[in-house]
Protein backbone atom coordinates (compact mmCIF):
# COMPACT_ATOMS: atom_id res chain seq x y z
CA MET A 1 87.62 149.17 74.51
CA ILE A 2 87.34 146.18 76.40
CA GLU A 3 87.07 147.71 79.58
CA LYS A 4 83.44 149.04 78.56
CA PHE A 5 81.79 145.76 78.94
CA ILE A 6 82.76 145.55 82.48
CA ARG A 7 79.57 145.52 84.53
CA ASN A 8 80.13 145.36 87.77
CA GLU A 9 82.65 144.67 90.96
CA ARG A 10 83.00 141.22 90.32
CA GLU A 11 83.45 141.47 86.64
CA GLU A 12 86.25 144.53 87.39
CA LYS A 13 88.22 141.80 89.63
CA LEU A 14 88.22 138.96 87.09
CA HIS A 15 89.71 141.34 84.34
CA HIS A 16 91.98 142.94 86.57
CA LEU A 17 93.63 139.16 87.48
CA ALA A 18 93.11 138.73 83.36
CA GLN A 19 95.07 141.84 83.12
CA ASP A 20 97.71 140.97 85.33
CA LEU A 21 98.79 137.46 83.72
CA SER A 22 98.45 139.02 80.26
CA GLU A 23 101.12 141.80 81.00
CA GLU A 24 103.30 138.99 82.47
CA LEU A 25 102.45 136.81 78.98
CA GLN A 26 103.80 140.01 76.91
CA GLU A 27 107.18 139.69 78.49
CA PHE A 28 107.40 135.79 77.43
CA ALA A 29 105.53 136.57 74.02
CA SER A 30 108.62 136.55 71.16
CA LYS A 31 109.93 133.09 73.53
CA ILE A 32 106.82 131.12 73.54
CA ASP A 33 106.83 131.76 69.64
CA GLU A 34 110.26 130.76 68.79
CA GLU A 35 110.58 127.50 70.94
CA ALA A 36 106.92 126.87 70.22
CA SER A 37 106.33 126.25 74.09
CA ILE A 38 104.83 127.74 77.33
CA PRO A 39 107.04 127.76 79.97
CA THR A 40 106.09 125.84 83.00
CA SER A 41 106.21 129.14 85.21
CA ILE A 42 103.39 130.62 82.96
CA LEU A 43 101.33 127.60 83.87
CA ASP A 44 102.03 127.92 87.43
CA ARG A 45 100.80 131.18 87.74
CA PHE A 46 97.50 130.25 86.50
CA ARG A 47 97.43 127.54 88.56
CA THR A 48 98.79 129.73 91.82
CA SER A 49 96.48 132.52 90.94
CA GLY A 50 93.06 130.64 91.08
CA TYR A 51 92.71 131.46 86.93
CA SER A 52 92.93 127.92 85.63
CA ALA A 53 89.90 126.99 88.56
CA LEU A 54 87.57 129.97 87.81
CA PRO A 55 84.80 127.91 85.87
CA VAL A 56 84.91 125.25 88.86
CA PRO A 57 81.71 125.40 90.56
CA LYS A 58 81.82 127.29 94.15
CA GLN A 59 80.89 124.27 96.08
CA TYR A 60 84.09 122.75 95.02
CA GLY A 61 86.67 125.81 95.22
CA GLY A 62 86.04 127.84 92.03
CA GLU A 63 84.22 131.34 91.05
CA ASP A 64 81.49 129.27 88.93
CA LEU A 65 82.32 131.60 85.99
CA SER A 66 79.54 132.65 83.38
CA LEU A 67 80.02 132.57 79.78
CA TYR A 68 80.19 136.30 79.81
CA GLU A 69 82.92 136.46 82.14
CA LEU A 70 84.90 133.59 80.16
CA VAL A 71 84.62 135.78 76.90
CA LEU A 72 86.04 139.04 78.98
CA ILE A 73 88.90 137.51 80.65
CA GLN A 74 89.71 135.67 77.36
CA GLU A 75 89.92 138.89 75.20
CA GLU A 76 92.38 140.50 77.57
CA LEU A 77 94.42 137.30 78.21
CA GLY A 78 94.69 137.43 74.64
CA LYS A 79 96.08 140.99 74.12
CA GLY A 80 99.02 139.36 76.08
CA GLU A 81 99.99 136.29 73.94
CA GLY A 82 97.36 134.65 71.47
CA ALA A 83 98.78 131.07 72.10
CA THR A 84 98.78 131.05 75.80
CA ALA A 85 95.45 132.17 75.46
CA LEU A 86 93.95 129.92 73.33
CA SER A 87 95.82 126.75 74.97
CA ILE A 88 94.13 127.57 78.70
CA GLY A 89 91.02 128.53 77.07
CA TRP A 90 90.19 125.13 76.05
CA HIS A 91 90.94 124.02 79.81
CA LEU A 92 88.79 126.63 81.03
CA GLY A 93 85.96 126.31 78.38
CA ILE A 94 85.79 122.38 78.81
CA LEU A 95 85.27 123.31 82.58
CA LYS A 96 82.66 125.75 81.69
CA ASP A 97 80.71 123.32 79.32
CA LEU A 98 80.48 120.24 82.34
CA ASN A 99 79.54 123.00 84.59
CA ASP A 100 76.79 123.90 82.55
CA ARG A 101 75.71 120.63 81.33
CA ARG A 102 76.91 118.37 84.39
CA PRO A 103 76.92 115.28 82.08
CA TRP A 104 78.95 113.27 84.86
CA ASN A 105 77.90 111.82 87.89
CA ASP A 106 78.57 114.07 90.88
CA ILE A 107 81.18 111.93 92.58
CA THR A 108 83.41 112.03 88.90
CA PHE A 109 82.54 115.80 88.28
CA GLY A 110 83.30 116.50 92.07
CA ARG A 111 86.66 114.62 91.76
CA LEU A 112 87.70 116.32 88.89
CA SER A 113 87.01 119.73 90.20
CA ARG A 114 89.00 119.48 93.18
CA ASP A 115 91.97 118.27 90.92
CA VAL A 116 91.50 121.42 89.04
CA VAL A 117 91.31 123.31 92.14
CA GLU A 118 94.57 121.80 93.24
CA GLY A 119 96.61 122.37 89.91
CA THR A 120 95.10 119.82 87.51
CA ILE A 121 95.42 120.89 83.61
CA ILE A 122 92.89 119.32 81.23
CA ASN A 123 91.62 119.21 77.72
CA ARG A 124 89.73 117.36 75.13
CA ALA A 125 91.27 114.90 72.77
CA GLN A 126 88.57 114.48 69.92
CA THR A 127 90.16 115.51 66.52
CA GLU A 128 91.91 112.71 64.32
CA GLU A 129 93.38 112.83 60.89
CA LYS A 130 90.61 110.66 59.80
CA THR A 131 88.04 112.50 61.15
CA GLY A 132 88.76 116.43 60.79
CA ASP A 133 86.76 118.76 62.98
CA PRO A 134 84.82 117.10 65.72
CA THR A 135 82.17 119.39 65.48
CA ARG A 136 81.14 117.63 62.14
CA GLY A 137 80.41 114.32 64.15
CA GLY A 138 82.59 112.09 62.87
CA LEU A 139 82.79 108.94 64.62
CA PRO A 140 86.23 107.94 66.30
CA VAL A 141 89.01 105.91 64.71
CA THR A 142 90.29 105.37 68.38
CA ILE A 143 88.67 101.79 69.73
CA ALA A 144 87.86 101.07 73.20
CA LYS A 145 87.88 97.69 73.77
CA ARG A 146 85.88 96.57 76.34
CA VAL A 147 87.80 93.80 78.92
CA ASP A 148 87.02 92.44 82.38
CA SER A 149 88.09 95.15 84.24
CA GLY A 150 87.38 98.24 82.18
CA TYR A 151 88.30 99.24 78.83
CA ARG A 152 91.49 99.55 76.55
CA LEU A 153 91.76 102.49 74.26
CA THR A 154 93.91 102.27 70.99
CA GLY A 155 94.53 105.04 68.75
CA ARG A 156 95.93 108.63 67.77
CA LYS A 157 94.52 111.96 68.79
CA THR A 158 95.77 115.09 66.84
CA PHE A 159 95.46 118.99 67.99
CA THR A 160 96.43 117.90 71.62
CA THR A 161 96.85 121.35 72.89
CA LEU A 162 98.94 121.80 76.03
CA SER A 163 100.29 118.61 75.16
CA THR A 164 103.47 118.92 77.17
CA HIS A 165 101.72 120.37 80.34
CA LEU A 166 98.11 118.41 80.65
CA ASP A 167 97.94 116.20 83.58
CA GLN A 168 94.63 114.52 82.58
CA VAL A 169 92.68 114.37 78.95
CA ILE A 170 89.36 113.37 78.38
CA VAL A 171 89.46 110.96 75.21
CA LYS A 172 86.51 110.67 72.74
CA ALA A 173 86.60 106.90 71.27
CA THR A 174 84.14 104.63 69.66
CA LEU A 175 83.32 101.25 71.34
CA GLU A 176 84.48 98.08 69.42
CA ASP A 177 81.83 96.54 67.27
CA SER A 178 79.30 99.71 67.87
CA GLU A 179 78.71 103.09 66.28
CA GLU A 180 78.73 104.66 69.63
CA ALA A 181 81.26 107.30 70.86
CA CYS A 182 82.32 107.63 74.16
CA ASP A 183 84.51 109.89 76.73
CA PHE A 184 87.09 108.19 78.96
CA LEU A 185 88.86 110.28 81.23
CA ILE A 186 92.82 109.05 81.25
CA SER A 187 95.70 110.37 83.25
CA MET A 188 98.81 111.12 81.21
CA LYS A 189 100.76 109.23 83.58
CA ASP A 190 98.89 106.27 82.45
CA GLU A 191 100.89 103.19 80.85
CA GLY A 192 100.32 103.18 77.18
CA VAL A 193 100.01 107.33 76.83
CA SER A 194 102.59 108.85 75.12
CA ILE A 195 102.92 112.18 73.02
CA GLU A 196 104.49 112.27 69.78
CA GLU A 197 105.84 116.19 68.85
CA THR A 198 104.47 116.66 65.66
CA TRP A 199 103.47 120.57 65.87
CA ASP A 200 105.33 122.47 63.60
CA VAL A 201 103.22 125.22 62.30
CA ILE A 202 103.74 129.14 61.56
CA GLY A 203 101.00 130.35 64.03
CA MET A 204 99.98 129.91 67.45
CA ARG A 205 103.03 128.34 67.75
CA GLY A 206 103.30 127.86 71.68
CA THR A 207 99.87 125.87 71.69
CA ARG A 208 102.37 122.79 71.29
CA SER A 209 99.23 120.77 69.87
CA ASP A 210 101.06 117.42 69.34
CA ASP A 211 99.63 114.22 68.86
CA LEU A 212 98.44 112.08 71.39
CA VAL A 213 99.20 108.59 71.04
CA LEU A 214 97.18 105.53 72.79
CA ASN A 215 98.64 102.06 72.94
CA GLY A 216 96.20 99.62 74.84
CA VAL A 217 95.54 101.95 77.86
CA HIS A 218 93.83 100.42 80.29
CA VAL A 219 91.05 102.88 81.61
CA PRO A 220 88.84 101.45 84.70
CA ALA A 221 85.48 101.14 83.95
CA GLU A 222 84.47 104.02 86.30
CA ARG A 223 86.57 106.16 84.11
CA LEU A 224 83.91 105.96 81.04
CA LEU A 225 82.16 109.21 81.61
CA GLU A 226 79.41 109.52 78.63
CA VAL A 227 78.13 107.98 75.91
CA TYR A 228 77.36 109.92 72.62
CA ASP A 229 74.30 107.71 70.97
CA LYS A 230 72.30 109.00 68.47
CA GLU A 231 69.59 110.55 71.03
CA ARG A 232 72.02 111.90 72.85
CA LYS A 233 73.59 113.91 69.90
CA THR A 234 70.04 115.52 69.36
CA LYS A 235 69.57 116.30 72.93
CA ALA A 236 73.10 117.98 73.47
CA ILE A 237 72.91 121.90 73.93
CA PRO A 238 74.93 123.95 71.62
CA PRO A 239 78.54 124.61 72.64
CA GLY A 240 78.33 128.23 73.98
CA TRP A 241 81.92 127.36 75.65
CA LEU A 242 83.33 127.80 72.30
CA LEU A 243 83.26 131.63 72.40
CA HIS A 244 86.54 131.19 74.33
CA ILE A 245 88.30 131.30 70.80
CA PRO A 246 86.69 134.13 69.21
CA ALA A 247 87.15 135.90 72.55
CA VAL A 248 91.32 135.25 72.25
CA TYR A 249 91.11 136.38 68.56
CA LEU A 250 89.51 139.98 69.37
CA GLY A 251 92.68 140.18 71.70
CA ILE A 252 94.79 139.84 69.27
CA ALA A 253 93.16 142.04 67.13
CA GLU A 254 93.10 144.63 70.09
CA ALA A 255 96.95 144.43 70.41
CA ALA A 256 97.45 144.69 66.63
CA LYS A 257 95.19 148.09 66.85
CA GLN A 258 97.23 149.10 69.42
CA GLU A 259 100.75 148.71 68.12
CA ALA A 260 98.98 150.57 64.70
CA ILE A 261 97.81 153.35 67.28
CA GLU A 262 101.59 153.57 68.73
CA PHE A 263 102.99 153.43 65.01
CA VAL A 264 100.97 156.52 64.02
CA ASN A 265 101.87 158.32 67.22
CA THR A 266 105.45 158.29 67.13
CA TYR A 267 106.44 158.03 63.41
CA GLN A 268 106.40 160.89 61.02
CA PRO A 269 108.33 160.71 58.17
CA ASN A 270 110.14 163.99 56.63
CA SER A 271 108.05 163.85 53.58
CA LEU A 272 105.01 165.01 55.73
CA ASP A 273 104.09 168.37 57.25
CA LYS A 274 101.78 166.84 59.63
CA PRO A 275 101.58 163.40 62.11
CA LEU A 276 100.46 160.05 60.47
CA SER A 277 97.35 160.38 62.67
CA GLU A 278 96.10 163.39 60.58
CA VAL A 279 96.81 161.53 57.08
CA PRO A 280 93.40 160.90 55.26
CA HIS A 281 93.85 157.21 54.38
CA ILE A 282 95.19 156.54 58.01
CA GLN A 283 92.04 158.06 59.82
CA ASP A 284 90.09 155.96 57.27
CA LYS A 285 91.72 152.64 58.28
CA ILE A 286 91.70 153.16 61.99
CA GLY A 287 87.73 154.03 61.54
CA GLN A 288 87.72 150.87 59.81
CA ILE A 289 89.45 148.85 62.72
CA SER A 290 87.25 150.62 65.48
CA LEU A 291 83.76 149.99 63.55
CA LYS A 292 84.60 145.92 62.90
CA LEU A 293 86.08 145.59 66.50
CA LEU A 294 83.22 147.77 68.05
CA SER A 295 80.46 145.41 65.81
CA ALA A 296 82.13 141.81 66.74
CA ARG A 297 82.78 142.88 70.50
CA HIS A 298 79.03 143.84 70.82
CA PHE A 299 77.74 140.59 69.16
CA LEU A 300 80.34 138.38 70.46
CA TYR A 301 79.53 139.68 74.51
CA SER A 302 75.62 139.69 73.60
CA VAL A 303 75.67 136.31 72.80
CA ALA A 304 77.45 135.51 75.93
CA ASP A 305 74.99 137.31 78.00
CA GLN A 306 71.98 135.77 76.25
CA TRP A 307 73.63 132.40 77.05
CA ASP A 308 74.00 133.63 81.02
CA LYS A 309 70.50 135.01 81.41
CA TYR A 310 68.50 132.45 79.40
CA PRO A 311 69.49 129.16 80.01
CA GLU A 312 66.16 127.88 78.51
CA GLU A 313 66.88 129.38 75.29
CA ARG A 314 70.29 127.54 75.05
CA MET A 315 68.91 125.21 72.97
CA GLN A 316 68.06 127.37 69.88
CA MET A 317 71.32 129.22 69.98
CA GLN A 318 73.75 127.49 67.82
CA SER A 319 73.03 129.78 64.78
CA GLN A 320 74.27 132.68 67.38
CA LEU A 321 76.85 131.17 68.72
CA PHE A 322 78.41 130.03 65.14
CA ALA A 323 77.86 133.31 63.68
CA ALA A 324 79.47 135.12 66.59
CA LYS A 325 82.77 133.29 66.36
CA HIS A 326 82.61 133.95 62.74
CA GLN A 327 82.29 137.61 62.71
CA ALA A 328 84.85 137.75 65.68
CA VAL A 329 87.61 135.76 63.81
CA ASN A 330 87.04 137.59 60.55
CA ALA A 331 87.06 140.95 62.10
CA ALA A 332 90.04 140.16 63.59
CA ILE A 333 91.90 139.19 60.68
CA ASP A 334 90.79 142.28 58.95
CA VAL A 335 91.57 144.55 61.92
CA VAL A 336 95.32 142.85 61.67
CA ASP A 337 95.68 143.48 58.10
CA LEU A 338 94.30 146.98 58.44
CA SER A 339 96.79 147.53 61.09
CA MET A 340 99.69 146.30 58.67
CA ARG A 341 99.00 148.21 56.07
CA ILE A 342 99.20 151.51 58.11
CA ILE A 343 102.94 150.41 59.49
CA GLY A 344 103.62 149.49 56.14
CA GLY A 345 106.62 147.38 55.29
CA ARG A 346 107.94 147.53 58.90
CA SER A 347 105.33 144.81 60.00
CA LEU A 348 106.66 142.13 57.77
CA MET A 349 110.16 141.98 59.90
CA LYS A 350 110.21 139.18 62.54
CA LYS A 351 111.43 141.85 65.55
CA ASN A 352 107.89 143.53 64.72
CA LYS A 353 105.23 142.29 67.44
CA ILE A 354 102.40 142.82 64.70
CA GLU A 355 104.33 140.08 62.67
CA ARG A 356 103.57 137.40 64.87
CA LEU A 357 100.12 138.53 65.62
CA TYR A 358 99.25 138.23 61.79
CA ARG A 359 100.55 134.73 61.74
CA ASP A 360 98.90 133.92 65.06
CA VAL A 361 95.36 135.32 64.23
CA ARG A 362 95.23 133.11 60.91
CA ALA A 363 94.57 130.09 62.60
CA GLY A 364 91.24 131.67 64.26
CA LEU A 365 89.94 130.02 60.58
CA HIS A 366 90.40 126.65 61.63
CA ASN A 367 89.15 126.57 64.99
CA PRO A 368 85.76 125.44 65.39
CA PRO A 369 83.18 126.08 64.14
CA SER A 370 84.44 126.46 60.34
CA ASP A 371 83.13 129.38 58.43
CA GLU A 372 81.58 126.83 55.89
CA LEU A 373 79.93 124.92 58.47
CA THR A 374 78.74 128.25 60.58
CA LEU A 375 77.31 129.54 57.04
CA GLN A 376 75.54 126.03 56.52
CA VAL A 377 73.72 126.05 59.99
CA LEU A 378 72.69 129.77 59.45
CA ALA A 379 71.07 128.77 55.78
CA ASN A 380 69.30 125.82 57.38
CA SER A 381 68.04 128.17 60.29
CA GLU A 382 66.04 130.22 58.01
CA PHE A 383 64.26 127.03 56.25
CA LYS A 384 62.99 125.91 59.63
């Protein structure tokens, strides 16, 4: 149970907030999945409750959310509705990353932080059709051309999660006639910015990860945020903030487990003279579910805790971070599968909640880092 990982009053308060929001999400889960869209009222709740500003430094009005706390609240939110949890997780994770690294000047970071406290929702736009997974380091095809007053951006970004709700976006582009990738901050209201609705998928439908189209978008020079040259890449700390991803999928798995438990507690076919919960093969599957969740959860939370406690060790934590995501997501997939085996053919019906959980949990394989990249990183770490 996630509650066993709550260690103090602050974490209990944060978990309670996430729990309230998670319960509200459950009421909208079917609608979000069917319409492939998150209602504006949900985003408004994240804003008014302060949830969307939690990673912002206290000096700007946030709560300086730790990585452990991010994992804790995102797992709870994932139990309610996975697509919404994953979507807001990108926003929270990016803010956590910026707070950890402080790569921008204080004025720019402070301005964005205050905007978020006032309700701004952000995301990064990095993925492109030709570059694939951004964690593999491909150079963006989106081009930033220098002009007298700043830069002009042209290109297309895929998988722009929360596309219809974003206020600002951090866009990665390549400086024209160079091999330098840079981050630029743009407003969704800037001239030349548009969304093309390309999101038509079987799982995580509510993330609304459409294409972001940039058609000669003018960006003032002060909105050039970060330059990723070769030296910068080697000195970058590993992406601890990406642990928001496996946390959500463990939440989905927990929801599936609860569905299976409820089923065996409430259904007894007339062919049996005892409850399903006493049938050996059912107990075996429940035991497997418990073991997988317990193992993945302890690994994930311990890695997050190490990140918080030992910042000087973060440069050496890439393999642990990647492995924690790999174990959690694959355990979550196994848990949902086992839960469906317990429930049987009913689990395939559209009216059954677990059918949606099955489609959503599969998406974890395609969130960064990929399994094959994780195994490569782990293998390379053994030869150092």
